[in-house]
Amino acid sequence: MILAENTYWMKEICTMINEHGHKAPTFTPPVFLVKFMANFDNTIRPVKPLLGVDVNFNINLAKLILDYNPIPIEKTIKDTSGFLKSYK
């Protein structure tokens, strides 16, 4: 889980990763197909209860109590991309 200012779908994060020259899938399979496949694939099974659930987190308490100021996800992805490229 990434603690960020906003909520992002994996497709949005993958699109940002692709913009920095890395390959990430942007295809979103239908929920019914993933639920069906979870019956046969142990790596997918733990995700099954979360499929179709809109999960939003509020980080206001972390900001207030811990004085937490998240780095924008765009910067995080850019920095991580640069780090990974330096190790190729």
N, C-alpha and C. Protein backbone atom coordinates (compact mmCIF):
# COMPACT_ATOMS: atom_id res chain seq x y z
N MET A 1 0.84 -1.18 0.00
CA MET A 1 0.00 0.00 0.00
C MET A 1 0.88 1.24 0.00
N ILE A 2 0.52 2.19 -0.80
CA ILE A 2 1.24 3.46 -0.85
C ILE A 2 0.38 4.49 -0.14
N LEU A 3 0.96 5.13 0.87
CA LEU A 3 0.23 6.18 1.57
C LEU A 3 0.44 7.47 0.81
N ALA A 4 -0.58 7.91 0.11
CA ALA A 4 -0.49 9.07 -0.76
C ALA A 4 -1.59 10.07 -0.44
N GLU A 5 -1.46 11.24 -0.99
CA GLU A 5 -2.44 12.31 -0.77
C GLU A 5 -3.81 11.93 -1.33
N ASN A 6 -3.82 11.28 -2.46
CA ASN A 6 -5.07 10.92 -3.13
C ASN A 6 -5.16 9.42 -3.34
N THR A 7 -6.32 8.98 -3.78
CA THR A 7 -6.53 7.58 -4.12
C THR A 7 -6.27 7.40 -5.61
N TYR A 8 -5.52 6.35 -5.96
CA TYR A 8 -5.20 6.08 -7.36
C TYR A 8 -5.56 4.65 -7.69
N TRP A 9 -6.11 4.45 -8.87
CA TRP A 9 -6.34 3.11 -9.40
C TRP A 9 -5.01 2.59 -9.92
N MET A 10 -4.83 1.27 -9.90
CA MET A 10 -3.60 0.68 -10.41
C MET A 10 -3.36 1.06 -11.87
N LYS A 11 -4.42 1.17 -12.64
CA LYS A 11 -4.28 1.56 -14.04
C LYS A 11 -3.63 2.94 -14.15
N GLU A 12 -4.02 3.87 -13.27
CA GLU A 12 -3.43 5.22 -13.28
C GLU A 12 -1.94 5.16 -12.92
N ILE A 13 -1.61 4.36 -11.92
CA ILE A 13 -0.21 4.23 -11.51
C ILE A 13 0.60 3.60 -12.63
N CYS A 14 0.06 2.57 -13.27
CA CYS A 14 0.76 1.92 -14.39
C CYS A 14 0.96 2.88 -15.55
N THR A 15 -0.01 3.73 -15.82
CA THR A 15 0.13 4.72 -16.88
C THR A 15 1.27 5.68 -16.56
N MET A 16 1.36 6.12 -15.31
CA MET A 16 2.46 7.00 -14.90
C MET A 16 3.81 6.29 -15.04
N ILE A 17 3.85 5.01 -14.69
CA ILE A 17 5.09 4.24 -14.82
C ILE A 17 5.49 4.15 -16.29
N ASN A 18 4.52 3.90 -17.18
CA ASN A 18 4.80 3.82 -18.62
C ASN A 18 5.34 5.13 -19.15
N GLU A 19 4.87 6.25 -18.62
CA GLU A 19 5.33 7.56 -19.07
C GLU A 19 6.81 7.78 -18.76
N HIS A 20 7.36 6.99 -17.84
CA HIS A 20 8.77 7.12 -17.48
C HIS A 20 9.63 6.03 -18.10
N GLY A 21 9.09 5.36 -19.12
CA GLY A 21 9.89 4.42 -19.89
C GLY A 21 9.93 2.99 -19.38
N HIS A 22 9.10 2.65 -18.43
CA HIS A 22 9.03 1.27 -17.95
C HIS A 22 7.75 0.64 -18.45
N LYS A 23 7.75 -0.67 -18.56
CA LYS A 23 6.56 -1.37 -19.05
C LYS A 23 5.72 -1.81 -17.86
N ALA A 24 4.48 -1.37 -17.85
CA ALA A 24 3.52 -1.78 -16.83
C ALA A 24 2.18 -2.01 -17.52
N PRO A 25 1.46 -3.04 -17.12
CA PRO A 25 0.19 -3.34 -17.79
C PRO A 25 -0.87 -2.29 -17.47
N THR A 26 -1.63 -1.90 -18.48
CA THR A 26 -2.73 -0.96 -18.26
C THR A 26 -4.08 -1.59 -18.57
N PHE A 27 -4.06 -2.86 -18.93
CA PHE A 27 -5.29 -3.59 -19.21
C PHE A 27 -6.00 -3.91 -17.90
N THR A 28 -7.28 -3.67 -17.84
CA THR A 28 -8.08 -4.00 -16.66
C THR A 28 -9.01 -5.16 -17.01
N PRO A 29 -8.76 -6.33 -16.43
CA PRO A 29 -9.64 -7.46 -16.74
C PRO A 29 -11.00 -7.30 -16.08
N PRO A 30 -12.03 -7.90 -16.64
CA PRO A 30 -13.36 -7.83 -16.01
C PRO A 30 -13.34 -8.49 -14.63
N VAL A 31 -14.05 -7.90 -13.69
CA VAL A 31 -14.07 -8.41 -12.31
C VAL A 31 -14.55 -9.86 -12.26
N PHE A 32 -15.58 -10.18 -13.03
CA PHE A 32 -16.10 -11.56 -13.00
C PHE A 32 -15.03 -12.56 -13.41
N LEU A 33 -14.16 -12.17 -14.35
CA LEU A 33 -13.11 -13.08 -14.82
C LEU A 33 -12.06 -13.29 -13.73
N VAL A 34 -11.68 -12.23 -13.05
CA VAL A 34 -10.69 -12.34 -11.98
C VAL A 34 -11.25 -13.18 -10.83
N LYS A 35 -12.53 -12.96 -10.48
CA LYS A 35 -13.15 -13.75 -9.42
C LYS A 35 -13.18 -15.24 -9.80
N PHE A 36 -13.47 -15.52 -11.04
CA PHE A 36 -13.49 -16.90 -11.51
C PHE A 36 -12.09 -17.51 -11.44
N MET A 37 -11.09 -16.77 -11.92
CA MET A 37 -9.71 -17.27 -11.93
C MET A 37 -9.17 -17.46 -10.52
N ALA A 38 -9.68 -16.68 -9.56
CA ALA A 38 -9.22 -16.80 -8.17
C ALA A 38 -9.54 -18.17 -7.59
N ASN A 39 -10.51 -18.84 -8.15
CA ASN A 39 -10.84 -20.19 -7.69
C ASN A 39 -9.76 -21.21 -8.05
N PHE A 40 -8.92 -20.87 -9.02
CA PHE A 40 -7.90 -21.80 -9.51
C PHE A 40 -6.47 -21.32 -9.27
N ASP A 41 -6.31 -20.06 -8.94
CA ASP A 41 -4.97 -19.48 -8.80
C ASP A 41 -4.79 -18.93 -7.38
N ASN A 42 -3.89 -19.55 -6.62
CA ASN A 42 -3.68 -19.14 -5.23
C ASN A 42 -3.09 -17.74 -5.08
N THR A 43 -2.45 -17.23 -6.12
CA THR A 43 -1.88 -15.88 -6.02
C THR A 43 -2.96 -14.81 -6.15
N ILE A 44 -4.06 -15.13 -6.79
CA ILE A 44 -5.16 -14.18 -6.96
C ILE A 44 -6.17 -14.27 -5.82
N ARG A 45 -6.29 -15.45 -5.22
CA ARG A 45 -7.33 -15.71 -4.21
C ARG A 45 -7.40 -14.65 -3.10
N PRO A 46 -6.30 -14.16 -2.52
CA PRO A 46 -6.40 -13.17 -1.44
C PRO A 46 -7.03 -11.84 -1.88
N VAL A 47 -6.99 -11.55 -3.15
CA VAL A 47 -7.53 -10.29 -3.67
C VAL A 47 -9.04 -10.37 -3.89
N LYS A 48 -9.55 -11.56 -4.03
CA LYS A 48 -10.95 -11.77 -4.39
C LYS A 48 -11.94 -10.97 -3.53
N PRO A 49 -11.81 -10.94 -2.19
CA PRO A 49 -12.78 -10.18 -1.39
C PRO A 49 -12.76 -8.67 -1.64
N LEU A 50 -11.66 -8.17 -2.19
CA LEU A 50 -11.54 -6.73 -2.42
C LEU A 50 -12.03 -6.30 -3.80
N LEU A 51 -12.28 -7.25 -4.68
CA LEU A 51 -12.69 -6.91 -6.04
C LEU A 51 -14.05 -6.23 -6.04
N GLY A 52 -14.13 -5.13 -6.74
CA GLY A 52 -15.38 -4.39 -6.84
C GLY A 52 -15.64 -3.47 -5.67
N VAL A 53 -14.73 -3.45 -4.68
CA VAL A 53 -14.89 -2.59 -3.51
C VAL A 53 -14.10 -1.31 -3.74
N ASP A 54 -14.76 -0.18 -3.58
CA ASP A 54 -14.08 1.11 -3.73
C ASP A 54 -13.48 1.47 -2.38
N VAL A 55 -12.16 1.40 -2.29
CA VAL A 55 -11.47 1.64 -1.03
C VAL A 55 -10.84 3.02 -1.05
N ASN A 56 -11.23 3.84 -0.11
CA ASN A 56 -10.64 5.17 0.03
C ASN A 56 -10.11 5.31 1.45
N PHE A 57 -8.93 5.86 1.57
CA PHE A 57 -8.33 6.09 2.87
C PHE A 57 -8.19 7.59 3.09
N ASN A 58 -8.30 7.99 4.33
CA ASN A 58 -8.15 9.38 4.69
C ASN A 58 -6.88 9.51 5.52
N ILE A 59 -5.95 10.34 5.08
CA ILE A 59 -4.68 10.47 5.78
C ILE A 59 -4.62 11.72 6.65
N ASN A 60 -5.75 12.34 6.89
CA ASN A 60 -5.75 13.57 7.69
C ASN A 60 -5.19 13.38 9.09
N LEU A 61 -5.49 12.25 9.74
CA LEU A 61 -4.93 12.01 11.08
C LEU A 61 -3.42 11.86 11.04
N ALA A 62 -2.90 11.19 10.02
CA ALA A 62 -1.45 11.05 9.88
C ALA A 62 -0.80 12.41 9.69
N LYS A 63 -1.46 13.28 8.95
CA LYS A 63 -0.95 14.64 8.76
C LYS A 63 -0.97 15.42 10.07
N LEU A 64 -2.08 15.31 10.79
CA LEU A 64 -2.27 16.07 12.02
C LEU A 64 -1.37 15.58 13.14
N ILE A 65 -1.41 14.30 13.44
CA ILE A 65 -0.69 13.75 14.58
C ILE A 65 0.80 13.58 14.31
N LEU A 66 1.13 13.08 13.13
CA LEU A 66 2.52 12.76 12.81
C LEU A 66 3.22 13.85 12.01
N ASP A 67 2.48 14.89 11.67
CA ASP A 67 3.01 15.96 10.81
C ASP A 67 3.53 15.35 9.50
N TYR A 68 2.75 14.43 8.96
CA TYR A 68 3.12 13.70 7.75
C TYR A 68 2.70 14.49 6.52
N ASN A 69 3.64 14.70 5.63
CA ASN A 69 3.37 15.38 4.36
C ASN A 69 3.82 14.47 3.23
N PRO A 70 2.87 13.80 2.59
CA PRO A 70 3.24 12.83 1.55
C PRO A 70 3.86 13.51 0.33
N ILE A 71 4.79 12.78 -0.26
CA ILE A 71 5.39 13.23 -1.51
C ILE A 71 4.38 12.92 -2.61
N PRO A 72 4.16 13.84 -3.54
CA PRO A 72 3.21 13.55 -4.63
C PRO A 72 3.60 12.26 -5.35
N ILE A 73 2.61 11.46 -5.69
CA ILE A 73 2.87 10.16 -6.30
C ILE A 73 3.62 10.29 -7.63
N GLU A 74 3.36 11.37 -8.35
CA GLU A 74 4.07 11.58 -9.61
C GLU A 74 5.57 11.69 -9.37
N LYS A 75 5.96 12.41 -8.31
CA LYS A 75 7.38 12.56 -7.98
C LYS A 75 7.95 11.22 -7.49
N THR A 76 7.18 10.49 -6.70
CA THR A 76 7.63 9.19 -6.21
C THR A 76 7.91 8.24 -7.37
N ILE A 77 7.00 8.20 -8.34
CA ILE A 77 7.19 7.32 -9.50
C ILE A 77 8.37 7.77 -10.33
N LYS A 78 8.52 9.07 -10.51
CA LYS A 78 9.66 9.60 -11.28
C LYS A 78 10.98 9.25 -10.59
N ASP A 79 11.06 9.45 -9.28
CA ASP A 79 12.28 9.14 -8.54
C ASP A 79 12.59 7.65 -8.56
N THR A 80 11.57 6.82 -8.38
CA THR A 80 11.77 5.37 -8.41
C THR A 80 12.22 4.92 -9.79
N SER A 81 11.64 5.50 -10.82
CA SER A 81 12.02 5.17 -12.19
C SER A 81 13.49 5.52 -12.43
N GLY A 82 13.89 6.70 -12.00
CA GLY A 82 15.28 7.11 -12.15
C GLY A 82 16.23 6.17 -11.41
N PHE A 83 15.84 5.77 -10.21
CA PHE A 83 16.64 4.84 -9.42
C PHE A 83 16.79 3.51 -10.15
N LEU A 84 15.68 2.98 -10.66
CA LEU A 84 15.73 1.70 -11.36
C LEU A 84 16.55 1.77 -12.64
N LYS A 85 16.44 2.89 -13.36
CA LYS A 85 17.22 3.05 -14.59
C LYS A 85 18.72 3.10 -14.30
N SER A 86 19.10 3.63 -13.14
CA SER A 86 20.52 3.74 -12.80
C SER A 86 21.14 2.37 -12.50
N TYR A 87 20.33 1.36 -12.27
CA TYR A 87 20.83 0.02 -11.97
C TYR A 87 20.71 -0.94 -13.14
N LYS A 88 20.38 -0.44 -14.32
CA LYS A 88 20.29 -1.31 -15.51
C LYS A 88 21.66 -1.63 -16.02
